[in-house]
Amino acid sequence: MTAMIATFHPPLSQPGFRLFDGPLRDVADVSADQIGVVGMPSDWTHSSRLGTRFGPEALRRATSLLQSMRPQGASFDPDTRRHTVPATDWLVDCGDAEITPQDVDATTQAIAAMTEGLTVAGAIPLALGGDHYNSFPACLGYSRGLAKRAPDARFGYIQIDGHLDFSDRLGAWGSHNHATNARRISELPNIDVSNMVWVGIAGWVDGGDSGLDRRTGRAGVFIQ
């Protein structure tokens, strides 16, 4: 099942907080020297604790407040005796991906379309979730964009979490949910599985998680 994704991305909902109060930009208008923020306000692929869909809005609101406390013009550090001028337009907010709660594939493709567009342009996607599953569509778009921009390039993955999220399926939630995101990322054509790193593993590991060793013949790096 492949969803038809419109190229137009609606602007942020009012009151329109942006990450660090950066300017709004459409994905198509972001350039190679910028970081493009993508909101992923979805927690419909989590099996229990909900609420992370409010994460992008909370991050935007909090960082806008922090930005209002920073010097708006040039500043002087008396210790280093250096003058600094704030960078402009290095970080731009591209709004939220279109979330379709009843259609995981449509949500996946909407997020991936935004990170793909940013990657093709040479920009750096900065995706804000959302539950753990959202790392897969963010990386899916990055994978597609990197394949177009640099066909021979490969990329790694760092996950900071108490779980591996490497199951192949999770009960009624199937193959695309918060417990399978790392597994789906490991299947991308240009991922370097030996360069996948998990930091903070402290929870249980099931049979699906242990498939990392069996399927690839090599393990990622685990840091407790």
C-alpha atoms as a PDB file:
ATOM      1  CA  MET A   1       0.000   0.000   0.000  1.00  0.00           C
ATOM      2  CA  THR A   2       1.459   3.313  -1.117  1.00  0.00           C
ATOM      3  CA  ALA A   3      -0.181   6.559  -0.090  1.00  0.00           C
ATOM      4  CA  MET A   4      -0.527   9.502  -2.449  1.00  0.00           C
ATOM      5  CA  ILE A   5       1.166  12.417  -0.721  1.00  0.00           C
ATOM      6  CA  ALA A   6       0.517  16.005  -1.752  1.00  0.00           C
ATOM      7  CA  THR A   7       3.562  18.205  -2.301  1.00  0.00           C
ATOM      8  CA  PHE A   8       2.026  21.066  -0.338  1.00  0.00           C
ATOM      9  CA  HIS A   9       2.773  21.078   3.372  1.00  0.00           C
ATOM     10  CA  PRO A  10       0.329  23.173   5.407  1.00  0.00           C
ATOM     11  CA  PRO A  11       1.794  25.843   7.679  1.00  0.00           C
ATOM     12  CA  LEU A  12       1.951  25.414  11.422  1.00  0.00           C
ATOM     13  CA  SER A  13      -1.276  25.790  13.343  1.00  0.00           C
ATOM     14  CA  GLN A  14      -1.716  29.073  15.172  1.00  0.00           C
ATOM     15  CA  PRO A  15      -0.249  30.498  17.335  1.00  0.00           C
ATOM     16  CA  GLY A  16       2.626  29.346  15.145  1.00  0.00           C
ATOM     17  CA  PHE A  17       5.536  28.670  17.469  1.00  0.00           C
ATOM     18  CA  ARG A  18       8.674  27.634  15.579  1.00  0.00           C
ATOM     19  CA  LEU A  19      11.718  25.817  16.891  1.00  0.00           C
ATOM     20  CA  PHE A  20      14.007  28.469  18.428  1.00  0.00           C
ATOM     21  CA  ASP A  21      11.694  31.014  16.792  1.00  0.00           C
ATOM     22  CA  GLY A  22      13.276  30.277  13.416  1.00  0.00           C
ATOM     23  CA  PRO A  23      11.574  31.371  10.191  1.00  0.00           C
ATOM     24  CA  LEU A  24       8.987  29.194   8.474  1.00  0.00           C
ATOM     25  CA  ARG A  25      10.018  27.654   5.172  1.00  0.00           C
ATOM     26  CA  ASP A  26       8.485  25.213   2.750  1.00  0.00           C
ATOM     27  CA  VAL A  27      10.651  22.132   2.222  1.00  0.00           C
ATOM     28  CA  ALA A  28      11.146  23.159  -1.408  1.00  0.00           C
ATOM     29  CA  ASP A  29      12.689  26.469  -0.313  1.00  0.00           C
ATOM     30  CA  VAL A  30      15.323  25.090   2.086  1.00  0.00           C
ATOM     31  CA  SER A  31      18.950  25.254   0.909  1.00  0.00           C
ATOM     32  CA  ALA A  32      22.039  23.153   1.492  1.00  0.00           C
ATOM     33  CA  ASP A  33      23.409  25.339   4.282  1.00  0.00           C
ATOM     34  CA  GLN A  34      20.330  25.021   6.479  1.00  0.00           C
ATOM     35  CA  ILE A  35      18.753  22.679   9.032  1.00  0.00           C
ATOM     36  CA  GLY A  36      15.117  21.952   8.252  1.00  0.00           C
ATOM     37  CA  VAL A  37      12.787  21.127  11.138  1.00  0.00           C
ATOM     38  CA  VAL A  38      10.049  18.569  10.515  1.00  0.00           C
ATOM     39  CA  GLY A  39       7.314  18.032  13.088  1.00  0.00           C
ATOM     40  CA  MET A  40       6.004  14.474  13.532  1.00  0.00           C
ATOM     41  CA  PRO A  41       3.075  14.901  15.975  1.00  0.00           C
ATOM     42  CA  SER A  42       2.015  11.252  15.980  1.00  0.00           C
ATOM     43  CA  ASP A  43       1.782   8.666  18.754  1.00  0.00           C
ATOM     44  CA  TRP A  44      -0.778   6.405  17.083  1.00  0.00           C
ATOM     45  CA  THR A  45       1.820   3.632  16.657  1.00  0.00           C
ATOM     46  CA  HIS A  46       2.470   3.312  20.394  1.00  0.00           C
ATOM     47  CA  SER A  47       0.837   0.470  22.300  1.00  0.00           C
ATOM     48  CA  SER A  48       0.381   2.112  25.705  1.00  0.00           C
ATOM     49  CA  ARG A  49       1.655   5.511  26.823  1.00  0.00           C
ATOM     50  CA  LEU A  50       0.205   8.255  24.643  1.00  0.00           C
ATOM     51  CA  GLY A  51       0.897  11.972  24.608  1.00  0.00           C
ATOM     52  CA  THR A  52       4.126  12.273  22.608  1.00  0.00           C
ATOM     53  CA  ARG A  53       2.151  13.746  19.716  1.00  0.00           C
ATOM     54  CA  PHE A  54       2.310  16.982  21.701  1.00  0.00           C
ATOM     55  CA  GLY A  55       6.118  16.866  21.654  1.00  0.00           C
ATOM     56  CA  PRO A  56       6.792  19.025  18.567  1.00  0.00           C
ATOM     57  CA  GLU A  57       4.510  21.796  19.805  1.00  0.00           C
ATOM     58  CA  ALA A  58       6.032  21.693  23.304  1.00  0.00           C
ATOM     59  CA  LEU A  59       9.584  21.864  21.937  1.00  0.00           C
ATOM     60  CA  ARG A  60       8.706  24.764  19.681  1.00  0.00           C
ATOM     61  CA  ARG A  61       6.998  26.647  22.462  1.00  0.00           C
ATOM     62  CA  ALA A  62       9.837  26.096  24.964  1.00  0.00           C
ATOM     63  CA  THR A  63      12.640  27.001  22.558  1.00  0.00           C
ATOM     64  CA  SER A  64      10.785  30.105  21.382  1.00  0.00           C
ATOM     65  CA  LEU A  65      10.685  31.242  25.010  1.00  0.00           C
ATOM     66  CA  LEU A  66      14.411  30.528  25.390  1.00  0.00           C
ATOM     67  CA  GLN A  67      15.159  32.407  22.198  1.00  0.00           C
ATOM     68  CA  SER A  68      13.298  35.450  23.527  1.00  0.00           C
ATOM     69  CA  MET A  69      15.758  35.585  26.430  1.00  0.00           C
ATOM     70  CA  ARG A  70      18.838  35.602  24.195  1.00  0.00           C
ATOM     71  CA  PRO A  71      20.502  38.814  22.983  1.00  0.00           C
ATOM     72  CA  GLN A  72      18.832  39.850  19.764  1.00  0.00           C
ATOM     73  CA  GLY A  73      21.838  41.649  18.373  1.00  0.00           C
ATOM     74  CA  ALA A  74      25.600  41.412  18.687  1.00  0.00           C
ATOM     75  CA  SER A  75      26.870  40.424  22.144  1.00  0.00           C
ATOM     76  CA  PHE A  76      30.193  40.765  23.936  1.00  0.00           C
ATOM     77  CA  ASP A  77      31.831  38.150  26.158  1.00  0.00           C
ATOM     78  CA  PRO A  78      34.044  39.965  28.705  1.00  0.00           C
ATOM     79  CA  ASP A  79      35.981  36.767  29.484  1.00  0.00           C
ATOM     80  CA  THR A  80      37.018  35.998  25.916  1.00  0.00           C
ATOM     81  CA  ARG A  81      36.644  39.618  24.723  1.00  0.00           C
ATOM     82  CA  ARG A  82      34.874  38.344  21.637  1.00  0.00           C
ATOM     83  CA  HIS A  83      31.926  39.858  19.837  1.00  0.00           C
ATOM     84  CA  THR A  84      29.359  37.444  18.402  1.00  0.00           C
ATOM     85  CA  VAL A  85      26.535  38.047  15.979  1.00  0.00           C
ATOM     86  CA  PRO A  86      23.593  35.613  15.902  1.00  0.00           C
ATOM     87  CA  ALA A  87      23.437  33.462  12.790  1.00  0.00           C
ATOM     88  CA  THR A  88      20.354  33.993  10.675  1.00  0.00           C
ATOM     89  CA  ASP A  89      18.297  31.465   8.729  1.00  0.00           C
ATOM     90  CA  TRP A  90      20.575  28.545   9.595  1.00  0.00           C
ATOM     91  CA  LEU A  91      17.630  26.740  11.177  1.00  0.00           C
ATOM     92  CA  VAL A  92      14.223  26.937   9.510  1.00  0.00           C
ATOM     93  CA  ASP A  93      10.947  25.327  10.525  1.00  0.00           C
ATOM     94  CA  CYS A  94       9.114  23.448   7.782  1.00  0.00           C
ATOM     95  CA  GLY A  95       6.023  22.746   9.856  1.00  0.00           C
ATOM     96  CA  ASP A  96       4.439  19.375  10.579  1.00  0.00           C
ATOM     97  CA  ALA A  97       4.038  16.366   8.349  1.00  0.00           C
ATOM     98  CA  GLU A  98       0.426  15.488   7.619  1.00  0.00           C
ATOM     99  CA  ILE A  99      -0.619  12.874  10.177  1.00  0.00           C
ATOM    100  CA  THR A 100      -3.357  10.368   9.331  1.00  0.00           C
ATOM    101  CA  PRO A 101      -4.089   8.477  12.569  1.00  0.00           C
ATOM    102  CA  GLN A 102      -6.037   5.676  10.898  1.00  0.00           C
ATOM    103  CA  ASP A 103      -3.413   5.081   8.163  1.00  0.00           C
ATOM    104  CA  VAL A 104       0.130   4.293   9.271  1.00  0.00           C
ATOM    105  CA  ASP A 105       1.405   4.099   5.700  1.00  0.00           C
ATOM    106  CA  ALA A 106       0.030   7.524   4.779  1.00  0.00           C
ATOM    107  CA  THR A 107       1.658   9.030   7.876  1.00  0.00           C
ATOM    108  CA  THR A 108       4.925   7.229   7.115  1.00  0.00           C
ATOM    109  CA  GLN A 109       5.021   8.518   3.546  1.00  0.00           C
ATOM    110  CA  ALA A 110       4.100  12.069   4.586  1.00  0.00           C
ATOM    111  CA  ILE A 111       6.994  12.271   7.049  1.00  0.00           C
ATOM    112  CA  ALA A 112       9.385  10.581   4.610  1.00  0.00           C
ATOM    113  CA  ALA A 113       8.455  13.014   1.826  1.00  0.00           C
ATOM    114  CA  MET A 114       9.577  15.950   3.953  1.00  0.00           C
ATOM    115  CA  THR A 115      12.893  14.482   5.138  1.00  0.00           C
ATOM    116  CA  GLU A 116      13.603  13.228   1.625  1.00  0.00           C
ATOM    117  CA  GLY A 117      13.095  16.676   0.139  1.00  0.00           C
ATOM    118  CA  LEU A 118      15.426  18.256   2.685  1.00  0.00           C
ATOM    119  CA  THR A 119      18.097  15.598   2.131  1.00  0.00           C
ATOM    120  CA  VAL A 120      17.997  15.917  -1.651  1.00  0.00           C
ATOM    121  CA  ALA A 121      18.539  19.662  -1.237  1.00  0.00           C
ATOM    122  CA  GLY A 122      21.622  18.985   0.879  1.00  0.00           C
ATOM    123  CA  ALA A 123      19.994  20.335   4.044  1.00  0.00           C
ATOM    124  CA  ILE A 124      20.000  18.502   7.381  1.00  0.00           C
ATOM    125  CA  PRO A 125      16.575  17.215   8.487  1.00  0.00           C
ATOM    126  CA  LEU A 126      15.795  17.685  12.191  1.00  0.00           C
ATOM    127  CA  ALA A 127      12.654  15.671  12.945  1.00  0.00           C
ATOM    128  CA  LEU A 128      10.666  16.150  16.170  1.00  0.00           C
ATOM    129  CA  GLY A 129       8.441  13.325  17.483  1.00  0.00           C
ATOM    130  CA  GLY A 130       6.213  11.716  18.343  1.00  0.00           C
ATOM    131  CA  ASP A 131       6.591   8.106  19.482  1.00  0.00           C
ATOM    132  CA  HIS A 132       9.617   5.935  18.692  1.00  0.00           C
ATOM    133  CA  TYR A 133       8.190   4.627  15.430  1.00  0.00           C
ATOM    134  CA  ASN A 134       8.587   8.041  13.831  1.00  0.00           C
ATOM    135  CA  SER A 135      12.338   7.532  13.600  1.00  0.00           C
ATOM    136  CA  PHE A 136      11.658   5.035  10.796  1.00  0.00           C
ATOM    137  CA  PRO A 137       9.776   7.351   8.411  1.00  0.00           C
ATOM    138  CA  ALA A 138      12.297  10.118   9.172  1.00  0.00           C
ATOM    139  CA  CYS A 139      15.153   7.758   8.230  1.00  0.00           C
ATOM    140  CA  LEU A 140      13.188   6.352   5.284  1.00  0.00           C
ATOM    141  CA  GLY A 141      13.038   9.801   3.739  1.00  0.00           C
ATOM    142  CA  TYR A 142      16.690  10.431   4.544  1.00  0.00           C
ATOM    143  CA  SER A 143      17.594   7.101   2.920  1.00  0.00           C
ATOM    144  CA  ARG A 144      15.711   7.954  -0.251  1.00  0.00           C
ATOM    145  CA  GLY A 145      17.148  11.451  -0.425  1.00  0.00           C
ATOM    146  CA  LEU A 146      20.708  10.259   0.203  1.00  0.00           C
ATOM    147  CA  ALA A 147      20.365   7.640  -2.542  1.00  0.00           C
ATOM    148  CA  LYS A 148      19.492  10.423  -4.987  1.00  0.00           C
ATOM    149  CA  ARG A 149      22.135  12.865  -3.776  1.00  0.00           C
ATOM    150  CA  ALA A 150      25.013  10.437  -3.163  1.00  0.00           C
ATOM    151  CA  PRO A 151      24.174   6.936  -4.467  1.00  0.00           C
ATOM    152  CA  ASP A 152      27.262   5.280  -2.953  1.00  0.00           C
ATOM    153  CA  ALA A 153      26.920   6.844   0.502  1.00  0.00           C
ATOM    154  CA  ARG A 154      25.820   4.899   3.559  1.00  0.00           C
ATOM    155  CA  PHE A 155      24.630   6.133   6.927  1.00  0.00           C
ATOM    156  CA  GLY A 156      24.467   4.962  10.534  1.00  0.00           C
ATOM    157  CA  TYR A 157      21.915   5.237  13.309  1.00  0.00           C
ATOM    158  CA  ILE A 158      22.099   6.128  17.025  1.00  0.00           C
ATOM    159  CA  GLN A 159      19.189   5.319  19.332  1.00  0.00           C
ATOM    160  CA  ILE A 160      19.094   6.526  22.942  1.00  0.00           C
ATOM    161  CA  ASP A 161      16.498   4.376  24.659  1.00  0.00           C
ATOM    162  CA  GLY A 162      15.947   1.597  27.179  1.00  0.00           C
ATOM    163  CA  HIS A 163      14.846  -0.838  24.456  1.00  0.00           C
ATOM    164  CA  LEU A 164      16.259  -2.060  21.157  1.00  0.00           C
ATOM    165  CA  ASP A 165      12.983  -1.597  19.238  1.00  0.00           C
ATOM    166  CA  PHE A 166      14.201  -4.359  16.924  1.00  0.00           C
ATOM    167  CA  SER A 167      11.170  -6.659  16.964  1.00  0.00           C
ATOM    168  CA  ASP A 168       9.774  -7.696  13.599  1.00  0.00           C
ATOM    169  CA  ARG A 169       6.161  -7.487  14.772  1.00  0.00           C
ATOM    170  CA  LEU A 170       4.241  -6.521  17.907  1.00  0.00           C
ATOM    171  CA  GLY A 171       0.890  -8.237  18.377  1.00  0.00           C
ATOM    172  CA  ALA A 172      -2.073  -6.388  16.899  1.00  0.00           C
ATOM    173  CA  TRP A 173       0.123  -3.419  15.936  1.00  0.00           C
ATOM    174  CA  GLY A 174       1.871  -5.470  13.273  1.00  0.00           C
ATOM    175  CA  SER A 175       5.203  -4.608  11.672  1.00  0.00           C
ATOM    176  CA  HIS A 176       5.181  -0.804  11.931  1.00  0.00           C
ATOM    177  CA  ASN A 177       5.076   0.518  15.488  1.00  0.00           C
ATOM    178  CA  HIS A 178       7.198   1.779  18.363  1.00  0.00           C
ATOM    179  CA  ALA A 179       8.804  -1.657  18.939  1.00  0.00           C
ATOM    180  CA  THR A 180       9.888  -2.251  15.324  1.00  0.00           C
ATOM    181  CA  ASN A 181      11.335   1.064  14.189  1.00  0.00           C
ATOM    182  CA  ALA A 182      15.006   0.063  14.473  1.00  0.00           C
ATOM    183  CA  ARG A 183      14.298  -3.226  12.663  1.00  0.00           C
ATOM    184  CA  ARG A 184      12.688  -1.372   9.765  1.00  0.00           C
ATOM    185  CA  ILE A 185      15.596   1.094   9.664  1.00  0.00           C
ATOM    186  CA  SER A 186      18.082  -1.813   9.506  1.00  0.00           C
ATOM    187  CA  GLU A 187      16.332  -2.974   6.318  1.00  0.00           C
ATOM    188  CA  LEU A 188      16.910   0.268   4.416  1.00  0.00           C
ATOM    189  CA  PRO A 189      19.194  -0.305   1.399  1.00  0.00           C
ATOM    190  CA  ASN A 190      21.892   2.212   2.344  1.00  0.00           C
ATOM    191  CA  ILE A 191      22.046   1.751   6.121  1.00  0.00           C
ATOM    192  CA  ASP A 192      25.304   0.394   7.559  1.00  0.00           C
ATOM    193  CA  VAL A 193      24.017  -2.080  10.150  1.00  0.00           C
ATOM    194  CA  SER A 194      27.457  -2.335  11.755  1.00  0.00           C
ATOM    195  CA  ASN A 195      27.202   1.392  12.421  1.00  0.00           C
ATOM    196  CA  MET A 196      23.930   1.186  14.350  1.00  0.00           C
ATOM    197  CA  VAL A 197      24.353   2.137  18.015  1.00  0.00           C
ATOM    198  CA  TRP A 198      21.993   1.740  20.994  1.00  0.00           C
ATOM    199  CA  VAL A 199      22.679   3.782  24.124  1.00  0.00           C
ATOM    200  CA  GLY A 200      20.987   3.115  27.466  1.00  0.00           C
ATOM    201  CA  ILE A 201      19.624  -0.409  26.960  1.00  0.00           C
ATOM    202  CA  ALA A 202      18.056  -1.433  30.260  1.00  0.00           C
ATOM    203  CA  GLY A 203      14.811  -3.227  29.452  1.00  0.00           C
ATOM    204  CA  TRP A 204      13.882  -6.700  28.321  1.00  0.00           C
ATOM    205  CA  VAL A 205      15.000  -8.149  24.971  1.00  0.00           C
ATOM    206  CA  ASP A 206      12.654 -10.495  23.121  1.00  0.00           C
ATOM    207  CA  GLY A 207      13.261 -13.002  20.349  1.00  0.00           C
ATOM    208  CA  GLY A 208      12.615 -10.434  17.660  1.00  0.00           C
ATOM    209  CA  ASP A 209      15.159  -8.062  19.141  1.00  0.00           C
ATOM    210  CA  SER A 210      17.842 -10.739  19.175  1.00  0.00           C
ATOM    211  CA  GLY A 211      17.331 -11.159  15.425  1.00  0.00           C
ATOM    212  CA  LEU A 212      19.872  -8.380  14.923  1.00  0.00           C
ATOM    213  CA  ASP A 213      22.667 -10.917  15.363  1.00  0.00           C
ATOM    214  CA  ARG A 214      21.025 -13.749  13.465  1.00  0.00           C
ATOM    215  CA  ARG A 215      19.940 -11.746  10.435  1.00  0.00           C
ATOM    216  CA  THR A 216      23.062  -9.704   9.817  1.00  0.00           C
ATOM    217  CA  GLY A 217      25.807 -11.879  11.267  1.00  0.00           C
ATOM    218  CA  ARG A 218      27.090  -8.831  13.103  1.00  0.00           C
ATOM    219  CA  ALA A 219      25.824  -6.779  15.980  1.00  0.00           C
ATOM    220  CA  GLY A 220      25.505  -3.092  16.429  1.00  0.00           C
ATOM    221  CA  VAL A 221      27.136  -1.334  19.354  1.00  0.00           C
ATOM    222  CA  PHE A 222      25.349  -1.413  22.705  1.00  0.00           C
ATOM    223  CA  ILE A 223      26.135   1.033  25.508  1.00  0.00           C
ATOM    224  CA  GLN A 224      24.441   0.633  28.886  1.00  0.00           C
END
